[in-house]
Protein backbone atom coordinates (compact mmCIF):
# COMPACT_ATOMS: atom_id res chain seq x y z
CA MET A 1 -84.86 -35.35 -60.61
CA LYS A 2 -82.94 -33.22 -58.11
CA ARG A 3 -80.84 -30.23 -59.11
CA LEU A 4 -77.09 -30.05 -58.57
CA LEU A 5 -75.18 -26.78 -58.60
CA ILE A 6 -71.55 -27.06 -59.69
CA ALA A 7 -69.42 -24.10 -58.65
CA GLY A 8 -66.25 -24.16 -60.74
CA PHE A 9 -66.91 -26.13 -63.91
CA GLY A 10 -63.34 -27.24 -64.55
CA ASP A 11 -61.65 -30.48 -65.51
CA ILE A 12 -62.89 -32.66 -62.63
CA ALA A 13 -66.49 -31.45 -62.95
CA ARG A 14 -66.44 -32.05 -66.70
CA ARG A 15 -65.07 -35.57 -66.21
CA ALA A 16 -67.88 -36.30 -63.75
CA LEU A 17 -70.63 -34.67 -65.79
CA ALA A 18 -71.91 -37.69 -67.73
CA ARG A 19 -72.42 -39.69 -64.53
CA LEU A 20 -73.92 -36.77 -62.66
CA GLU A 21 -76.45 -36.06 -65.41
CA ARG A 22 -77.93 -39.51 -64.89
CA ARG A 23 -78.95 -38.45 -61.38
CA PHE A 24 -79.30 -34.66 -61.39
CA HIS A 25 -80.40 -31.67 -63.37
CA VAL A 26 -76.94 -30.06 -63.47
CA ALA A 27 -76.57 -26.28 -63.25
CA PRO A 28 -72.93 -25.25 -63.88
CA LEU A 29 -71.80 -22.09 -62.11
CA SER A 30 -68.80 -20.53 -63.86
CA ARG A 31 -67.89 -17.37 -65.73
CA ALA A 32 -68.68 -19.19 -68.99
CA PHE A 33 -72.27 -19.55 -67.78
CA GLY A 34 -72.57 -16.01 -66.43
CA PHE A 35 -71.73 -16.73 -62.79
CA ASP A 36 -68.80 -14.83 -61.30
CA LEU A 37 -67.89 -15.56 -57.68
CA ASP A 38 -65.79 -12.39 -57.64
CA ARG A 39 -68.91 -10.26 -58.29
CA PRO A 40 -71.29 -11.20 -55.48
CA ALA A 41 -73.79 -8.40 -56.20
CA ARG A 42 -74.61 -10.06 -59.53
CA LEU A 43 -74.66 -13.60 -58.18
CA THR A 44 -78.11 -15.23 -58.26
CA LEU A 45 -78.40 -18.97 -57.78
CA PRO A 46 -81.22 -21.34 -58.66
CA ALA A 47 -82.70 -23.60 -55.99
CA ALA A 48 -80.91 -26.93 -55.67
CA GLU A 49 -80.72 -30.02 -53.48
CA ALA A 50 -76.93 -30.50 -53.78
CA LEU A 51 -73.81 -28.44 -54.41
CA LEU A 52 -70.44 -29.51 -55.81
CA HIS A 53 -67.85 -26.84 -55.00
CA CYS A 54 -64.77 -27.09 -57.21
CA ALA A 55 -64.10 -23.37 -57.63
CA PRO A 56 -60.53 -22.41 -56.74
CA PRO A 57 -59.87 -19.59 -54.28
CA PRO A 58 -58.47 -16.25 -55.48
CA ASP A 59 -54.80 -16.14 -56.41
CA GLN A 60 -53.71 -13.97 -53.49
CA GLY A 61 -54.21 -13.60 -49.76
CA ALA A 62 -55.03 -16.09 -47.02
CA ALA A 63 -58.85 -15.83 -47.33
CA ASP A 64 -61.16 -17.51 -49.82
CA THR A 65 -63.59 -14.73 -50.67
CA ARG A 66 -65.17 -16.82 -53.44
CA THR A 67 -66.46 -19.40 -50.98
CA ALA A 68 -67.71 -16.55 -48.79
CA ASN A 69 -69.56 -15.07 -51.78
CA LEU A 70 -71.00 -18.44 -52.72
CA LEU A 71 -72.35 -19.03 -49.22
CA ALA A 72 -73.76 -15.49 -49.11
CA ALA A 73 -75.58 -16.14 -52.39
CA LEU A 74 -77.05 -19.36 -50.99
CA GLU A 75 -78.14 -17.47 -47.90
CA LYS A 76 -79.64 -14.64 -49.92
CA GLY A 77 -81.62 -17.06 -52.07
CA ARG A 78 -82.65 -19.12 -49.05
CA ILE A 79 -81.14 -22.15 -50.73
CA LEU A 80 -80.31 -25.00 -48.37
CA PRO A 81 -78.85 -27.94 -50.29
CA ALA A 82 -79.03 -31.20 -48.38
CA ARG A 83 -75.42 -32.01 -49.31
CA ILE A 84 -72.29 -30.06 -50.22
CA VAL A 85 -69.11 -31.64 -51.59
CA TYR A 86 -65.96 -29.53 -51.61
CA VAL A 87 -62.77 -30.47 -53.48
CA SER A 88 -59.95 -29.15 -51.30
CA THR A 89 -56.23 -29.91 -51.20
CA SER A 90 -53.94 -32.03 -49.07
CA GLY A 91 -51.75 -28.94 -48.89
CA VAL A 92 -53.76 -27.90 -45.82
CA TYR A 93 -51.63 -30.37 -43.81
CA GLY A 94 -48.40 -28.50 -44.57
CA ASP A 95 -45.06 -30.22 -44.17
CA CYS A 96 -45.29 -33.52 -42.29
CA ALA A 97 -41.62 -34.52 -42.67
CA GLY A 98 -42.58 -37.55 -44.76
CA ALA A 99 -44.94 -39.01 -42.16
CA ARG A 100 -47.95 -41.07 -43.16
CA ILE A 101 -51.00 -39.05 -42.11
CA ASP A 102 -54.73 -39.58 -41.92
CA GLU A 103 -57.60 -37.12 -41.58
CA SER A 104 -57.04 -36.72 -37.84
CA ARG A 105 -53.83 -34.77 -38.56
CA PRO A 106 -54.42 -31.11 -37.59
CA PRO A 107 -54.13 -28.78 -40.60
CA ALA A 108 -51.01 -26.60 -40.64
CA PRO A 109 -50.92 -24.88 -44.03
CA GLN A 110 -47.61 -23.24 -44.87
CA THR A 111 -48.45 -21.43 -48.11
CA GLU A 112 -51.10 -18.83 -48.75
CA ARG A 113 -52.50 -21.17 -51.39
CA ALA A 114 -53.16 -23.83 -48.76
CA GLN A 115 -54.35 -21.26 -46.21
CA ARG A 116 -57.05 -20.16 -48.65
CA ARG A 117 -58.20 -23.76 -49.01
CA LEU A 118 -58.38 -24.24 -45.25
CA HIS A 119 -60.32 -20.99 -44.96
CA ALA A 120 -62.81 -22.39 -47.47
CA GLU A 121 -63.12 -25.63 -45.49
CA THR A 122 -63.67 -23.67 -42.27
CA GLN A 123 -66.36 -21.48 -43.81
CA LEU A 124 -68.18 -24.46 -45.27
CA ALA A 125 -68.00 -26.43 -42.01
CA GLY A 126 -69.43 -23.53 -40.03
CA TRP A 127 -72.22 -22.80 -42.49
CA THR A 128 -73.32 -26.40 -43.01
CA GLY A 129 -72.99 -27.27 -39.32
CA ALA A 130 -75.35 -24.46 -38.33
CA ARG A 131 -77.93 -25.67 -40.86
CA ASN A 132 -77.68 -29.45 -40.48
CA ILE A 133 -76.35 -29.87 -44.01
CA SER A 134 -74.11 -32.82 -44.90
CA LEU A 135 -70.60 -31.73 -45.90
CA VAL A 136 -67.98 -33.89 -47.60
CA VAL A 137 -64.48 -32.44 -47.95
CA LEU A 138 -62.15 -34.22 -50.37
CA ARG A 139 -58.49 -33.32 -49.74
CA ALA A 140 -56.87 -34.08 -53.06
CA PRO A 141 -53.10 -34.25 -53.67
CA GLY A 142 -51.42 -33.88 -57.07
CA ILE A 143 -54.01 -34.56 -59.77
CA TYR A 144 -52.71 -36.19 -62.93
CA ALA A 145 -54.00 -37.63 -66.20
CA ALA A 146 -52.67 -38.06 -69.72
CA ASP A 147 -53.21 -34.34 -70.32
CA ARG A 148 -52.09 -33.29 -66.83
CA LEU A 149 -48.44 -34.36 -66.72
CA PRO A 150 -45.25 -32.29 -66.21
CA LEU A 151 -44.03 -32.90 -69.75
CA GLU A 152 -43.06 -29.29 -70.45
CA ARG A 153 -40.97 -29.17 -67.28
CA LEU A 154 -39.23 -32.35 -68.34
CA ARG A 155 -38.57 -30.96 -71.81
CA ALA A 156 -37.24 -27.78 -70.21
CA ARG A 157 -34.87 -29.90 -68.10
CA THR A 158 -36.16 -28.35 -64.89
CA PRO A 159 -34.19 -30.01 -62.07
CA VAL A 160 -35.61 -31.92 -59.13
CA LEU A 161 -34.16 -32.64 -55.70
CA ARG A 162 -31.47 -35.25 -55.23
CA ALA A 163 -32.54 -38.41 -53.36
CA GLN A 164 -31.24 -37.38 -49.94
CA ASP A 165 -33.15 -34.08 -50.09
CA ASP A 166 -36.28 -35.33 -51.85
CA VAL A 167 -39.84 -35.22 -50.51
CA TYR A 168 -42.78 -37.62 -50.58
CA THR A 169 -45.67 -36.56 -52.78
CA SER A 170 -49.14 -38.07 -53.20
CA HIS A 171 -51.29 -38.42 -56.30
CA ILE A 172 -54.78 -39.13 -57.63
CA HIS A 173 -55.84 -39.76 -61.20
CA ALA A 174 -58.29 -37.14 -62.46
CA ASP A 175 -60.80 -39.81 -63.53
CA ASP A 176 -60.69 -41.42 -60.09
CA LEU A 177 -61.19 -38.05 -58.41
CA ALA A 178 -64.20 -37.40 -60.65
CA ALA A 179 -65.64 -40.76 -59.65
CA ILE A 180 -64.97 -40.04 -55.95
CA VAL A 181 -66.88 -36.78 -56.34
CA CYS A 182 -69.84 -38.70 -57.73
CA ARG A 183 -69.75 -41.13 -54.82
CA ALA A 184 -69.53 -38.29 -52.31
CA LEU A 185 -72.74 -36.82 -53.75
CA ASP A 186 -74.69 -40.01 -52.98
CA GLU A 187 -77.27 -39.52 -50.25
CA ASP A 188 -75.82 -42.44 -48.27
CA ALA A 189 -72.21 -41.26 -48.49
CA PRO A 190 -71.01 -40.52 -44.94
CA ALA A 191 -70.20 -36.86 -44.37
CA GLY A 192 -66.72 -35.83 -43.25
CA VAL A 193 -63.18 -35.26 -44.48
CA TYR A 194 -61.41 -37.72 -46.78
CA ASN A 195 -57.90 -37.93 -48.15
CA ALA A 196 -58.73 -38.39 -51.84
CA ALA A 197 -55.41 -40.01 -52.74
CA ASP A 198 -54.27 -43.25 -54.34
CA ASP A 199 -52.03 -45.91 -52.77
CA THR A 200 -48.76 -44.64 -54.23
CA GLU A 201 -45.77 -43.96 -52.01
CA ILE A 202 -43.27 -42.12 -54.18
CA LYS A 203 -40.85 -39.25 -53.90
CA MET A 204 -41.20 -36.30 -56.20
CA GLY A 205 -38.01 -36.89 -58.15
CA ASP A 206 -38.96 -40.52 -58.73
CA TRP A 207 -42.38 -39.36 -60.00
CA PHE A 208 -40.69 -37.10 -62.55
CA ASP A 209 -38.36 -39.96 -63.51
CA LEU A 210 -41.32 -42.28 -64.04
CA VAL A 211 -43.19 -39.79 -66.24
CA ALA A 212 -40.01 -39.19 -68.24
CA ASP A 213 -39.46 -42.93 -68.77
CA VAL A 214 -43.05 -43.54 -69.88
CA HIS A 215 -42.86 -40.70 -72.42
CA GLY A 216 -39.36 -41.38 -73.68
CA LEU A 217 -37.91 -38.18 -72.28
CA PRO A 218 -34.61 -37.69 -70.44
CA ARG A 219 -34.87 -37.89 -66.69
CA PRO A 220 -34.53 -34.49 -65.00
CA PRO A 221 -31.23 -33.47 -63.43
CA ARG A 222 -30.97 -33.87 -59.66
CA VAL A 223 -29.70 -31.02 -57.50
CA SER A 224 -29.20 -30.25 -53.83
CA ARG A 225 -31.77 -28.22 -51.94
CA ASP A 226 -29.40 -25.23 -51.90
CA VAL A 227 -29.02 -25.29 -55.68
CA ALA A 228 -32.78 -25.81 -56.08
CA GLN A 229 -33.41 -22.47 -54.41
CA GLN A 230 -31.66 -20.83 -57.35
CA LYS A 231 -32.75 -22.98 -60.30
CA ILE A 232 -36.31 -24.19 -59.65
CA PRO A 233 -39.32 -21.91 -60.25
CA GLY A 234 -40.99 -20.69 -57.07
CA ALA A 235 -44.33 -22.44 -57.59
CA LEU A 236 -42.69 -25.84 -58.05
CA LEU A 237 -40.16 -25.17 -55.31
CA SER A 238 -42.96 -24.53 -52.81
CA PHE A 239 -44.17 -28.10 -53.31
CA MET A 240 -40.64 -29.33 -52.64
CA GLN A 241 -40.76 -27.77 -49.16
CA GLU A 242 -43.43 -30.23 -48.00
CA SER A 243 -43.26 -33.99 -47.56
CA ARG A 244 -46.14 -36.25 -46.56
CA ARG A 245 -47.73 -39.60 -47.35
CA LEU A 246 -51.52 -39.62 -47.34
CA ASP A 247 -53.35 -42.49 -45.67
CA ASN A 248 -56.44 -43.24 -47.80
CA ARG A 249 -57.99 -46.00 -45.68
CA ARG A 250 -60.96 -43.82 -44.73
CA LEU A 251 -61.65 -43.15 -48.41
CA LYS A 252 -61.77 -46.87 -49.12
CA GLN A 253 -63.30 -48.23 -45.92
CA VAL A 254 -65.84 -45.52 -45.05
CA LEU A 255 -66.69 -43.98 -48.43
CA GLY A 256 -66.33 -47.38 -50.10
CA VAL A 257 -64.14 -46.35 -53.01
CA ARG A 258 -62.20 -48.77 -55.18
CA LEU A 259 -59.79 -46.92 -57.41
CA GLU A 260 -59.48 -47.68 -61.09
CA TYR A 261 -55.88 -46.48 -60.85
CA PRO A 262 -54.62 -47.55 -57.40
CA THR A 263 -51.08 -46.30 -58.12
CA VAL A 264 -49.44 -44.00 -60.64
CA HIS A 265 -48.00 -47.06 -62.36
CA GLU A 266 -51.49 -48.09 -63.49
CA GLY A 267 -52.46 -44.49 -64.16
CA LEU A 268 -49.58 -43.89 -66.56
CA ARG A 269 -50.10 -47.17 -68.41
CA PRO A 270 -51.87 -46.72 -71.76
CA ARG A 271 -55.42 -48.08 -71.84
CA LEU A 272 -57.37 -49.35 -74.84
CA SER A 273 -60.58 -47.68 -73.69
CA ASN A 274 -61.26 -44.07 -72.80
CA GLU A 275 -64.05 -45.11 -70.47
CA ARG A 276 -62.56 -45.01 -66.96
CA THR A 277 -64.95 -45.26 -64.04
CA ALA A 278 -64.00 -45.99 -60.44
CA ARG A 279 -65.94 -48.79 -58.80
CA PHE A 280 -67.55 -48.61 -55.40
CA ASP A 281 -68.13 -51.12 -52.63
CA GLN A 282 -70.72 -50.16 -50.07
CA PRO A 283 -69.18 -50.03 -46.58
CA ALA A 284 -70.38 -52.67 -44.17
């Protein structure tokens, strides 16, 4: 059985673990397991045939030093995985004024957070390209699940933008993203960049309204963009500066993914079973 390194053993990696362990000897790389991407001198990696990179960049700056340290550790150990899968963000596209965009859209990150993600993508593309290693980049939008919803913001009555000022936002259920990661690690999965988003077209305020309705909470107050600058926390406000609709046809037609939760309406609906696995059709 081949070995898989997982850099960043967070929620998505844990959701994918049971399926991955059927195919790989899994070696998690995180601080909990003694691996610290911020301390490259102490970073020693075991040999592996595949790498799943879910580790977030540092909290500051425009560069992702953690990805640089990870690649340096691979180089130092002369480890050349045949395949690397990186979970990135759709934030690398920046503001698209509500346009529907596919993977051919040139990245134009507006926040340092997104710039760090693009820097990671660029480093990985250069390193894998020079070594003939397959790279899959999954650009994920807002990840949600039953335990990843903005309930505290709703309870705090944090406002959202009024309809005429509102922005489009995209989503993916955490279980679907975990399943997409598993598919991307298949040897026959075509390399490249994929928008790892569902089919939903919804504005941010309507998303908050929907979550509120499902959980029996009051809908958030709506405010103008000018008022939002004063009343909405900076981290949330930064997401309200960007509007885009992700085209996921490549995810479905090339990678062959069929989503268990094709829209947020299915994803927020209670299910009788906790077993949620995305299905896959092989591309023709």
